[in-house]
Amino acid sequence: MLTAIILVLLLISFFFRMGSATVGAASVAAAVATVVALAGIAVIVRDIDDMRSEIETSMKEVKVRK
């Protein structure tokens, strides 16, 4: 995740050096969208892992009760 953020920031600095305000604004918007998407993916993966852990715990409890 940190690597992706660093890459996006490097891309932003590259486009700002090109001198075009429109290109700079577009690159900032793309960078923000990329970071938001990566954060969303991280949240989804974390939620799936949490659900998997809950299911495994429930299955162990069912086996113990039998």
N, C-alpha and C. Protein backbone atom coordinates (compact mmCIF):
# COMPACT_ATOMS: atom_id res chain seq x y z
N MET A 1 0.83 -1.19 0.00
CA MET A 1 0.00 0.00 0.00
C MET A 1 0.87 1.26 0.00
N LEU A 2 1.89 1.26 0.85
CA LEU A 2 2.78 2.41 0.93
C LEU A 2 3.53 2.60 -0.38
N THR A 3 3.92 1.51 -1.01
CA THR A 3 4.62 1.59 -2.30
C THR A 3 3.73 2.24 -3.35
N ALA A 4 2.47 1.88 -3.36
CA ALA A 4 1.53 2.45 -4.33
C ALA A 4 1.37 3.95 -4.10
N ILE A 5 1.29 4.36 -2.85
CA ILE A 5 1.14 5.78 -2.55
C ILE A 5 2.38 6.55 -2.99
N ILE A 6 3.55 6.00 -2.75
CA ILE A 6 4.79 6.65 -3.17
C ILE A 6 4.84 6.76 -4.69
N LEU A 7 4.44 5.71 -5.38
CA LEU A 7 4.42 5.73 -6.85
C LEU A 7 3.47 6.81 -7.36
N VAL A 8 2.31 6.91 -6.76
CA VAL A 8 1.34 7.93 -7.18
C VAL A 8 1.89 9.33 -6.93
N LEU A 9 2.54 9.54 -5.80
CA LEU A 9 3.12 10.85 -5.52
C LEU A 9 4.23 11.19 -6.51
N LEU A 10 5.02 10.22 -6.91
CA LEU A 10 6.05 10.46 -7.93
C LEU A 10 5.43 10.83 -9.27
N LEU A 11 4.33 10.18 -9.62
CA LEU A 11 3.64 10.52 -10.86
C LEU A 11 3.09 11.94 -10.80
N ILE A 12 2.56 12.33 -9.66
CA ILE A 12 2.05 13.69 -9.51
C ILE A 12 3.17 14.70 -9.73
N SER A 13 4.30 14.48 -9.08
CA SER A 13 5.41 15.43 -9.22
C SER A 13 5.90 15.49 -10.67
N PHE A 14 5.88 14.36 -11.36
CA PHE A 14 6.29 14.34 -12.77
C PHE A 14 5.36 15.20 -13.61
N PHE A 15 4.05 15.04 -13.41
CA PHE A 15 3.09 15.80 -14.22
C PHE A 15 3.11 17.28 -13.88
N PHE A 16 3.38 17.64 -12.63
CA PHE A 16 3.46 19.06 -12.29
C PHE A 16 4.66 19.71 -12.96
N ARG A 17 5.71 18.97 -13.18
CA ARG A 17 6.89 19.52 -13.86
C ARG A 17 6.62 19.78 -15.33
N MET A 18 5.60 19.14 -15.88
CA MET A 18 5.28 19.34 -17.29
C MET A 18 4.71 20.73 -17.53
N GLY A 19 4.21 21.40 -16.48
CA GLY A 19 3.80 22.79 -16.61
C GLY A 19 2.35 23.01 -16.94
N SER A 20 1.62 22.03 -17.28
CA SER A 20 0.22 22.22 -17.63
C SER A 20 -0.64 22.05 -16.39
N ALA A 21 -1.41 23.08 -16.09
CA ALA A 21 -2.28 23.02 -14.90
C ALA A 21 -3.35 21.95 -15.07
N THR A 22 -3.85 21.80 -16.29
CA THR A 22 -4.89 20.79 -16.54
C THR A 22 -4.35 19.39 -16.33
N VAL A 23 -3.17 19.15 -16.85
CA VAL A 23 -2.55 17.83 -16.68
C VAL A 23 -2.24 17.60 -15.20
N GLY A 24 -1.77 18.63 -14.52
CA GLY A 24 -1.49 18.51 -13.09
C GLY A 24 -2.74 18.20 -12.29
N ALA A 25 -3.83 18.90 -12.60
CA ALA A 25 -5.09 18.66 -11.89
C ALA A 25 -5.61 17.27 -12.18
N ALA A 26 -5.49 16.85 -13.43
CA ALA A 26 -5.95 15.50 -13.79
C ALA A 26 -5.12 14.44 -13.09
N SER A 27 -3.83 14.68 -12.97
CA SER A 27 -2.98 13.69 -12.31
C SER A 27 -3.27 13.63 -10.82
N VAL A 28 -3.57 14.77 -10.21
CA VAL A 28 -3.94 14.77 -8.79
C VAL A 28 -5.24 14.01 -8.59
N ALA A 29 -6.21 14.26 -9.47
CA ALA A 29 -7.49 13.55 -9.37
C ALA A 29 -7.29 12.05 -9.54
N ALA A 30 -6.45 11.67 -10.48
CA ALA A 30 -6.17 10.25 -10.70
C ALA A 30 -5.45 9.64 -9.50
N ALA A 31 -4.53 10.40 -8.92
CA ALA A 31 -3.80 9.91 -7.76
C ALA A 31 -4.73 9.70 -6.57
N VAL A 32 -5.62 10.66 -6.35
CA VAL A 32 -6.58 10.54 -5.25
C VAL A 32 -7.49 9.34 -5.48
N ALA A 33 -7.97 9.19 -6.69
CA ALA A 33 -8.84 8.05 -7.00
C ALA A 33 -8.11 6.73 -6.80
N THR A 34 -6.85 6.69 -7.17
CA THR A 34 -6.06 5.47 -6.99
C THR A 34 -5.88 5.13 -5.52
N VAL A 35 -5.55 6.13 -4.72
CA VAL A 35 -5.36 5.90 -3.28
C VAL A 35 -6.67 5.46 -2.63
N VAL A 36 -7.78 6.09 -3.02
CA VAL A 36 -9.09 5.70 -2.47
C VAL A 36 -9.43 4.27 -2.87
N ALA A 37 -9.16 3.91 -4.12
CA ALA A 37 -9.44 2.54 -4.57
C ALA A 37 -8.58 1.53 -3.82
N LEU A 38 -7.31 1.83 -3.63
CA LEU A 38 -6.43 0.92 -2.90
C LEU A 38 -6.87 0.78 -1.45
N ALA A 39 -7.29 1.87 -0.84
CA ALA A 39 -7.79 1.80 0.53
C ALA A 39 -9.06 0.96 0.60
N GLY A 40 -9.92 1.12 -0.40
CA GLY A 40 -11.15 0.32 -0.45
C GLY A 40 -10.85 -1.16 -0.59
N ILE A 41 -9.90 -1.49 -1.41
CA ILE A 41 -9.52 -2.90 -1.58
C ILE A 41 -8.95 -3.45 -0.28
N ALA A 42 -8.15 -2.66 0.40
CA ALA A 42 -7.58 -3.10 1.68
C ALA A 42 -8.67 -3.37 2.71
N VAL A 43 -9.70 -2.52 2.74
CA VAL A 43 -10.81 -2.70 3.67
C VAL A 43 -11.59 -3.97 3.33
N ILE A 44 -11.83 -4.20 2.05
CA ILE A 44 -12.56 -5.40 1.62
C ILE A 44 -11.79 -6.65 2.00
N VAL A 45 -10.50 -6.67 1.75
CA VAL A 45 -9.67 -7.83 2.09
C VAL A 45 -9.69 -8.07 3.59
N ARG A 46 -9.58 -7.00 4.37
CA ARG A 46 -9.62 -7.13 5.83
C ARG A 46 -10.96 -7.69 6.30
N ASP A 47 -12.06 -7.20 5.71
CA ASP A 47 -13.39 -7.69 6.09
C ASP A 47 -13.56 -9.16 5.75
N ILE A 48 -13.07 -9.57 4.59
CA ILE A 48 -13.16 -10.98 4.19
C ILE A 48 -12.37 -11.84 5.15
N ASP A 49 -11.19 -11.38 5.53
CA ASP A 49 -10.37 -12.14 6.48
C ASP A 49 -11.06 -12.24 7.84
N ASP A 50 -11.68 -11.15 8.28
CA ASP A 50 -12.41 -11.17 9.55
C ASP A 50 -13.57 -12.16 9.50
N MET A 51 -14.31 -12.16 8.39
CA MET A 51 -15.43 -13.11 8.25
C MET A 51 -14.93 -14.54 8.24
N ARG A 52 -13.83 -14.79 7.57
CA ARG A 52 -13.26 -16.14 7.54
C ARG A 52 -12.89 -16.59 8.94
N SER A 53 -12.29 -15.70 9.70
CA SER A 53 -11.91 -16.04 11.08
C SER A 53 -13.13 -16.33 11.93
N GLU A 54 -14.19 -15.55 11.75
CA GLU A 54 -15.42 -15.78 12.51
C GLU A 54 -16.05 -17.12 12.15
N ILE A 55 -16.03 -17.46 10.88
CA ILE A 55 -16.59 -18.74 10.44
C ILE A 55 -15.78 -19.89 11.02
N GLU A 56 -14.46 -19.78 10.97
CA GLU A 56 -13.61 -20.83 11.53
C GLU A 56 -13.85 -21.00 13.03
N THR A 57 -13.99 -19.89 13.74
CA THR A 57 -14.26 -19.96 15.18
C THR A 57 -15.61 -20.62 15.44
N SER A 58 -16.62 -20.27 14.66
CA SER A 58 -17.94 -20.86 14.82
C SER A 58 -17.90 -22.36 14.55
N MET A 59 -17.17 -22.76 13.53
CA MET A 59 -17.07 -24.18 13.21
C MET A 59 -16.39 -24.94 14.35
N LYS A 60 -15.37 -24.36 14.95
CA LYS A 60 -14.69 -25.00 16.08
C LYS A 60 -15.64 -25.14 17.27
N GLU A 61 -16.47 -24.11 17.51
CA GLU A 61 -17.42 -24.17 18.62
C GLU A 61 -18.46 -25.26 18.39
N VAL A 62 -18.90 -25.42 17.16
CA VAL A 62 -19.88 -26.45 16.83
C VAL A 62 -19.27 -27.83 17.06
N LYS A 63 -18.02 -28.02 16.66
CA LYS A 63 -17.35 -29.31 16.85
C LYS A 63 -17.18 -29.62 18.33
N VAL A 64 -16.89 -28.61 19.14
CA VAL A 64 -16.69 -28.82 20.57
C VAL A 64 -18.01 -29.21 21.23
N ARG A 65 -19.12 -28.64 20.81
CA ARG A 65 -20.42 -28.92 21.40
C ARG A 65 -20.91 -30.33 21.10
N LYS A 66 -20.49 -30.91 19.99
CA LYS A 66 -20.95 -32.25 19.61
C LYS A 66 -20.37 -33.25 20.48
